[in-house]
């Protein structure tokens, strides 16, 4: 600490020290975690004294602020693994602490709350297997915890339908297995920004079980936009083609473009249609669509 202000540091294998100071950290910077790529996470205090998490990229020499959207009173990042997963905690508007998991690849914050915590959850470390450690607080004091993320189990026997619910205040999604007019099981799916809305389930990625397509509050999915343009704005025709696409009846670029052309309403050339839909088909066949995928869920301007 120099002149009452904290500064982070990095010590190389050769014993060289480098100061880590976030440029927005008028009140100080603490470096708390590092991975094998040299990416560093920690916290800084701004001029008003509020805490923010940060990520330092040594290759570009850049600092990125990490603020959980629910962290009204501050965010602290404690550790990062080699997959780019970051853990820490945020303080909400009622001054309660909650853990978070942030994935650099997906850009989404997921809240981590130990089910026994009554006074807050503080994750402090994550390994390359995605296992999280830290402590939680209850009426008896502090307790350590180990959180192991695992996929939800298959639906129980007798399941005939599923119901997906979204909590509007924080964007948490849950899925309920239903059978014989009763709820058989319930699982958390994850947390998405509050500006996203559920559209449908479908098979957009060949190697998994199902995918969830979302849209934001401003418009429709990009794949529908291209189809709508291809059929000259005829919404009934576009809707029918889009539904067939989601159901897997139109599996591939050529089948979609031929369907649009066969409607005899194409307002663009075949080449323009195929170029536009080709960008979507690359996403559909190459990687998971939906959450955080700008190319698939970009809103209409």
Protein backbone atom coordinates (compact mmCIF):
# COMPACT_ATOMS: atom_id res chain seq x y z
CA UNK A 1 0.00 0.00 0.00
CA UNK A 2 1.43 3.36 -1.09
CA UNK A 3 -0.01 6.63 0.26
CA UNK A 4 -3.06 4.73 1.51
CA UNK A 5 -3.92 3.24 -1.93
CA UNK A 6 -3.67 -0.48 -2.70
CA UNK A 7 -1.95 -1.70 -5.88
CA UNK A 8 -2.05 -5.16 -7.37
CA UNK A 9 1.08 -6.91 -8.60
CA UNK A 10 2.23 -9.78 -10.79
CA UNK A 11 5.46 -11.68 -10.10
CA UNK A 12 6.95 -13.52 -13.07
CA UNK A 13 8.77 -16.84 -12.88
CA UNK A 14 11.99 -14.86 -13.12
CA UNK A 15 11.15 -12.84 -10.05
CA UNK A 16 10.17 -9.61 -11.85
CA UNK A 17 7.32 -7.65 -10.27
CA UNK A 18 4.79 -5.77 -12.42
CA UNK A 19 2.21 -3.38 -10.93
CA UNK A 20 -1.42 -4.16 -11.73
CA UNK A 21 -3.53 -1.01 -11.49
CA UNK A 22 -6.92 -0.78 -13.16
CA UNK A 23 -7.11 2.68 -14.77
CA UNK A 24 -10.54 3.18 -13.18
CA UNK A 25 -9.30 2.17 -9.73
CA UNK A 26 -8.98 5.59 -8.13
CA UNK A 27 -9.50 3.96 -4.74
CA UNK A 28 -7.11 1.04 -5.29
CA UNK A 29 -6.68 -2.28 -7.11
CA UNK A 30 -6.31 -5.85 -5.82
CA UNK A 31 -5.15 -8.70 -8.10
CA UNK A 32 -6.63 -11.94 -6.72
CA UNK A 33 -6.49 -14.71 -9.32
CA UNK A 34 -4.50 -15.78 -12.41
CA UNK A 35 -4.66 -18.62 -14.96
CA UNK A 36 -2.01 -20.24 -17.16
CA UNK A 37 -2.61 -17.70 -19.94
CA UNK A 38 -1.66 -14.90 -17.57
CA UNK A 39 -5.20 -13.50 -17.39
CA UNK A 40 -5.66 -11.80 -14.03
CA UNK A 41 -8.87 -11.06 -12.16
CA UNK A 42 -9.44 -8.97 -9.08
CA UNK A 43 -11.25 -5.91 -7.84
CA UNK A 44 -10.83 -2.16 -7.95
CA UNK A 45 -12.53 0.71 -6.13
CA UNK A 46 -13.71 3.67 -8.17
CA UNK A 47 -13.68 7.30 -7.10
CA UNK A 48 -16.94 6.84 -5.18
CA UNK A 49 -15.61 3.83 -3.27
CA UNK A 50 -17.72 1.23 -5.12
CA UNK A 51 -16.05 -2.09 -5.87
CA UNK A 52 -15.91 -3.58 -9.37
CA UNK A 53 -14.41 -6.80 -10.67
CA UNK A 54 -11.84 -6.63 -13.45
CA UNK A 55 -10.09 -8.86 -15.97
CA UNK A 56 -6.59 -8.01 -17.13
CA UNK A 57 -5.42 -9.38 -20.50
CA UNK A 58 -1.61 -9.38 -20.61
CA UNK A 59 -1.46 -9.92 -24.38
CA UNK A 60 -3.41 -6.76 -25.19
CA UNK A 61 -2.52 -4.95 -21.93
CA UNK A 62 -6.22 -4.18 -21.41
CA UNK A 63 -8.52 -4.05 -18.41
CA UNK A 64 -12.19 -5.08 -18.63
CA UNK A 65 -14.69 -4.32 -15.89
CA UNK A 66 -16.72 -7.26 -14.58
CA UNK A 67 -19.95 -6.07 -12.97
CA UNK A 68 -22.70 -8.54 -12.20
CA UNK A 69 -25.97 -6.90 -13.34
CA UNK A 70 -27.50 -7.68 -9.94
CA UNK A 71 -24.56 -6.22 -8.02
CA UNK A 72 -26.11 -2.90 -7.06
CA UNK A 73 -23.54 -2.42 -4.30
CA UNK A 74 -20.48 -3.89 -5.93
CA UNK A 75 -18.79 -6.90 -7.57
CA UNK A 76 -15.51 -8.68 -6.71
CA UNK A 77 -13.80 -11.28 -8.94
CA UNK A 78 -11.62 -13.80 -7.06
CA UNK A 79 -10.39 -16.50 -9.43
CA UNK A 80 -10.21 -17.58 -13.08
CA UNK A 81 -9.48 -21.02 -14.51
CA UNK A 82 -7.88 -22.01 -17.80
CA UNK A 83 -11.29 -22.27 -19.49
CA UNK A 84 -11.98 -18.58 -18.78
CA UNK A 85 -14.53 -19.23 -16.03
CA UNK A 86 -14.48 -16.55 -13.32
CA UNK A 87 -15.94 -16.72 -9.82
CA UNK A 88 -16.51 -14.06 -7.21
CA UNK A 89 -19.36 -12.42 -5.41
CA UNK A 90 -21.65 -9.41 -5.76
CA UNK A 91 -23.64 -7.44 -3.23
CA UNK A 92 -27.27 -6.79 -4.09
CA UNK A 93 -29.44 -3.79 -3.27
CA UNK A 94 -30.30 -5.25 0.15
CA UNK A 95 -26.59 -5.64 1.04
CA UNK A 96 -26.66 -9.45 0.74
CA UNK A 97 -23.72 -11.24 -0.88
CA UNK A 98 -24.22 -13.76 -3.68
CA UNK A 99 -21.64 -15.80 -5.53
CA UNK A 100 -21.38 -15.63 -9.30
CA UNK A 101 -19.89 -17.66 -12.13
CA UNK A 102 -18.98 -15.75 -15.29
CA UNK A 103 -17.89 -17.42 -18.52
CA UNK A 104 -15.73 -15.34 -20.85
CA UNK A 105 -16.87 -17.43 -23.81
CA UNK A 106 -20.57 -16.92 -23.17
CA UNK A 107 -20.55 -13.56 -21.42
CA UNK A 108 -23.25 -14.57 -18.93
CA UNK A 109 -23.33 -14.18 -15.14
CA UNK A 110 -24.85 -17.07 -13.18
CA UNK A 111 -25.66 -16.60 -9.50
CA UNK A 112 -24.22 -19.20 -7.09
CA UNK A 113 -26.05 -19.37 -3.77
CA UNK A 114 -25.41 -22.22 -1.35
CA UNK A 115 -28.88 -23.56 -0.41
CA UNK A 116 -27.95 -23.43 3.30
CA UNK A 117 -26.81 -19.81 3.19
CA UNK A 118 -28.88 -17.28 5.08
CA UNK A 119 -26.23 -14.57 5.25
CA UNK A 120 -24.51 -14.80 1.89
CA UNK A 121 -22.29 -16.93 -0.36
CA UNK A 122 -18.64 -16.10 -1.21
CA UNK A 123 -16.94 -18.28 -3.86
CA UNK A 124 -13.16 -17.84 -3.81
CA UNK A 125 -11.71 -20.42 -6.21
CA UNK A 126 -12.45 -22.51 -9.31
CA UNK A 127 -10.40 -25.28 -10.91
CA UNK A 128 -10.25 -26.48 -14.51
CA UNK A 129 -12.99 -29.04 -13.82
CA UNK A 130 -15.35 -26.18 -12.96
CA UNK A 131 -15.48 -27.08 -9.26
CA UNK A 132 -16.04 -24.03 -7.07
CA UNK A 133 -14.95 -23.54 -3.44
CA UNK A 134 -15.67 -20.79 -0.96
CA UNK A 135 -17.77 -20.19 2.13
CA UNK A 136 -21.35 -19.39 3.04
CA UNK A 137 -22.83 -17.78 6.13
CA UNK A 138 -25.76 -19.01 8.20
CA UNK A 139 -26.99 -18.29 11.71
CA UNK A 140 -24.14 -20.35 13.18
CA UNK A 141 -21.34 -18.60 11.29
CA UNK A 142 -19.14 -19.40 8.29
CA UNK A 143 -18.91 -22.78 6.55
CA UNK A 144 -16.81 -23.89 3.60
CA UNK A 145 -18.44 -25.40 0.53
CA UNK A 146 -17.56 -27.30 -2.65
CA UNK A 147 -19.89 -26.82 -5.61
CA UNK A 148 -19.74 -29.34 -8.44
CA UNK A 149 -21.67 -28.34 -11.54
CA UNK A 150 -23.39 -31.30 -13.18
CA UNK A 151 -25.96 -31.61 -15.96
CA UNK A 152 -29.59 -32.04 -14.99
CA UNK A 153 -30.67 -35.71 -14.93
CA UNK A 154 -33.05 -37.15 -17.55
CA UNK A 155 -36.80 -36.58 -17.01
CA UNK A 156 -38.32 -39.07 -14.57
CA UNK A 157 -40.55 -41.86 -15.80
CA UNK A 158 -44.07 -40.78 -16.60
CA UNK A 159 -43.06 -37.35 -17.93
CA UNK A 160 -45.39 -36.33 -20.74
CA UNK A 161 -44.63 -32.60 -21.03
CA UNK A 162 -42.25 -29.92 -19.84
CA UNK A 163 -42.88 -26.38 -18.67
CA UNK A 164 -40.25 -23.62 -18.78
CA UNK A 165 -40.65 -20.65 -16.44
CA UNK A 166 -38.63 -17.47 -16.29
CA UNK A 167 -38.22 -15.21 -13.26
CA UNK A 168 -38.50 -11.71 -14.70
CA UNK A 169 -36.59 -9.90 -11.97
CA UNK A 170 -33.28 -11.68 -12.56
CA UNK A 171 -33.66 -13.77 -15.74
CA UNK A 172 -33.45 -17.22 -14.10
CA UNK A 173 -34.97 -20.08 -16.11
CA UNK A 174 -36.32 -23.30 -14.62
CA UNK A 175 -37.76 -26.40 -16.29
CA UNK A 176 -40.53 -28.52 -14.79
CA UNK A 177 -41.26 -32.14 -15.80
CA UNK A 178 -44.99 -32.80 -15.83
CA UNK A 179 -46.90 -36.10 -15.83
CA UNK A 180 -50.30 -37.31 -14.67
CA UNK A 181 -51.38 -33.73 -13.94
CA UNK A 182 -48.59 -33.16 -11.43
CA UNK A 183 -45.04 -31.77 -11.23
CA UNK A 184 -42.57 -34.66 -11.17
CA UNK A 185 -39.28 -32.73 -11.03
CA UNK A 186 -37.84 -29.25 -11.38
CA UNK A 187 -34.35 -28.07 -12.35
CA UNK A 188 -32.58 -24.78 -12.87
CA UNK A 189 -31.48 -24.10 -16.45
CA UNK A 190 -29.44 -20.96 -15.86
CA UNK A 191 -29.57 -17.20 -15.86
CA UNK A 192 -29.90 -14.96 -18.93
CA UNK A 193 -30.14 -11.17 -19.22
CA UNK A 194 -33.56 -9.81 -18.34
CA UNK A 195 -34.05 -8.39 -21.86
CA UNK A 196 -34.25 -11.89 -23.40
CA UNK A 197 -37.49 -13.84 -23.87
CA UNK A 198 -38.19 -17.50 -24.62
CA UNK A 199 -39.24 -18.31 -28.21
CA UNK A 200 -39.17 -22.07 -28.67
CA UNK A 201 -37.29 -25.32 -28.24
CA UNK A 202 -35.74 -27.02 -31.23
CA UNK A 203 -32.81 -28.96 -32.62
CA UNK A 204 -30.28 -26.35 -33.74
CA UNK A 205 -27.14 -28.31 -32.85
CA UNK A 206 -26.81 -31.89 -33.97
CA UNK A 207 -24.93 -33.45 -31.04
CA UNK A 208 -27.10 -32.37 -28.11
CA UNK A 209 -30.63 -33.16 -26.95
CA UNK A 210 -32.43 -29.87 -27.54
CA UNK A 211 -31.81 -26.13 -27.74
CA UNK A 212 -33.68 -23.08 -26.48
CA UNK A 213 -34.11 -20.13 -28.83
CA UNK A 214 -34.42 -16.68 -27.23
CA UNK A 215 -35.16 -13.22 -28.58
CA UNK A 216 -34.66 -9.83 -27.02
CA UNK A 217 -37.29 -7.20 -26.42
CA UNK A 218 -36.52 -5.29 -29.62
CA UNK A 219 -37.18 -7.80 -32.36
CA UNK A 220 -37.24 -11.26 -33.84
CA UNK A 221 -34.56 -13.89 -34.38
CA UNK A 222 -32.22 -13.19 -37.29
CA UNK A 223 -33.08 -16.41 -39.13
CA UNK A 224 -36.73 -15.34 -39.28
CA UNK A 225 -35.66 -11.93 -40.54
CA UNK A 226 -33.90 -13.44 -43.54
CA UNK A 227 -36.87 -15.66 -44.35
CA UNK A 228 -39.25 -12.71 -44.01
CA UNK A 229 -37.13 -10.64 -46.39
CA UNK A 230 -36.95 -13.54 -48.84
CA UNK A 231 -40.74 -13.81 -49.08
CA UNK A 232 -41.33 -10.06 -49.45
CA UNK A 233 -42.67 -9.53 -45.95
CA UNK A 234 -45.46 -12.11 -46.18
CA UNK A 235 -45.65 -12.97 -42.48
CA UNK A 236 -47.93 -15.98 -42.89
CA UNK A 237 -45.55 -17.59 -45.39
CA UNK A 238 -42.49 -16.64 -43.35
CA UNK A 239 -44.03 -18.06 -40.18
CA UNK A 240 -44.81 -21.38 -41.87
CA UNK A 241 -41.28 -21.68 -43.26
CA UNK A 242 -39.73 -20.71 -39.92
CA UNK A 243 -41.82 -23.28 -38.04
CA UNK A 244 -40.71 -25.99 -40.45
CA UNK A 245 -37.11 -24.87 -39.94
CA UNK A 246 -37.43 -25.14 -36.15
CA UNK A 247 -39.09 -28.54 -36.47
CA UNK A 248 -36.19 -29.83 -38.56
CA UNK A 249 -38.26 -30.26 -41.71
CA UNK A 250 -35.95 -27.87 -43.57
CA UNK A 251 -32.52 -29.19 -42.79
CA UNK A 252 -29.99 -27.13 -44.68
CA UNK A 253 -29.43 -23.96 -46.63
CA UNK A 254 -30.63 -25.23 -49.99
CA UNK A 255 -33.90 -26.62 -48.66
CA UNK A 256 -34.70 -23.31 -46.93
CA UNK A 257 -33.81 -21.15 -49.90
CA UNK A 258 -35.71 -23.42 -52.31
CA UNK A 259 -38.76 -23.21 -50.06
CA UNK A 260 -38.55 -19.40 -50.12
CA UNK A 261 -38.13 -19.31 -53.88
CA UNK A 262 -40.91 -21.82 -54.45
CA UNK A 263 -43.30 -19.43 -52.71
CA UNK A 264 -42.78 -17.26 -55.80
CA UNK A 265 -42.53 -14.20 -53.58
CA UNK A 266 -38.77 -13.77 -53.27
CA UNK A 267 -37.92 -10.09 -53.14
CA UNK A 268 -34.19 -10.76 -53.30
CA UNK A 269 -32.08 -12.67 -55.78
CA UNK A 270 -31.41 -16.33 -55.10
CA UNK A 271 -27.78 -15.45 -54.42
CA UNK A 272 -28.72 -12.85 -51.78
CA UNK A 273 -31.09 -15.30 -50.12
CA UNK A 274 -28.49 -18.04 -50.02
CA UNK A 275 -25.76 -15.72 -48.75
CA UNK A 276 -27.97 -14.49 -45.90
CA UNK A 277 -29.30 -17.87 -44.93
CA UNK A 278 -25.83 -19.33 -45.32
CA UNK A 279 -24.59 -17.27 -42.40
CA UNK A 280 -27.36 -18.70 -40.26
CA UNK A 281 -26.74 -22.26 -41.48
CA UNK A 282 -23.09 -21.97 -40.47
CA UNK A 283 -24.19 -21.16 -36.92
CA UNK A 284 -26.86 -23.83 -36.89
CA UNK A 285 -24.51 -26.61 -37.91
CA UNK A 286 -21.34 -25.32 -36.28
CA UNK A 287 -22.13 -24.25 -32.74
CA UNK A 288 -24.92 -23.82 -30.22
CA UNK A 289 -27.36 -21.08 -31.06
CA UNK A 290 -29.60 -18.96 -28.82
CA UNK A 291 -28.13 -17.52 -25.62
CA UNK A 292 -25.45 -14.96 -26.33
CA UNK A 293 -25.23 -15.71 -30.06
CA UNK A 294 -25.53 -12.32 -31.70
CA UNK A 295 -25.64 -13.71 -35.22
CA UNK A 296 -28.74 -15.74 -34.50
CA UNK A 297 -30.61 -13.50 -32.09
CA UNK A 298 -29.67 -10.05 -33.34
CA UNK A 299 -32.73 -7.80 -33.17
CA UNK A 300 -34.19 -6.01 -36.16
CA UNK A 301 -33.00 -2.45 -36.45
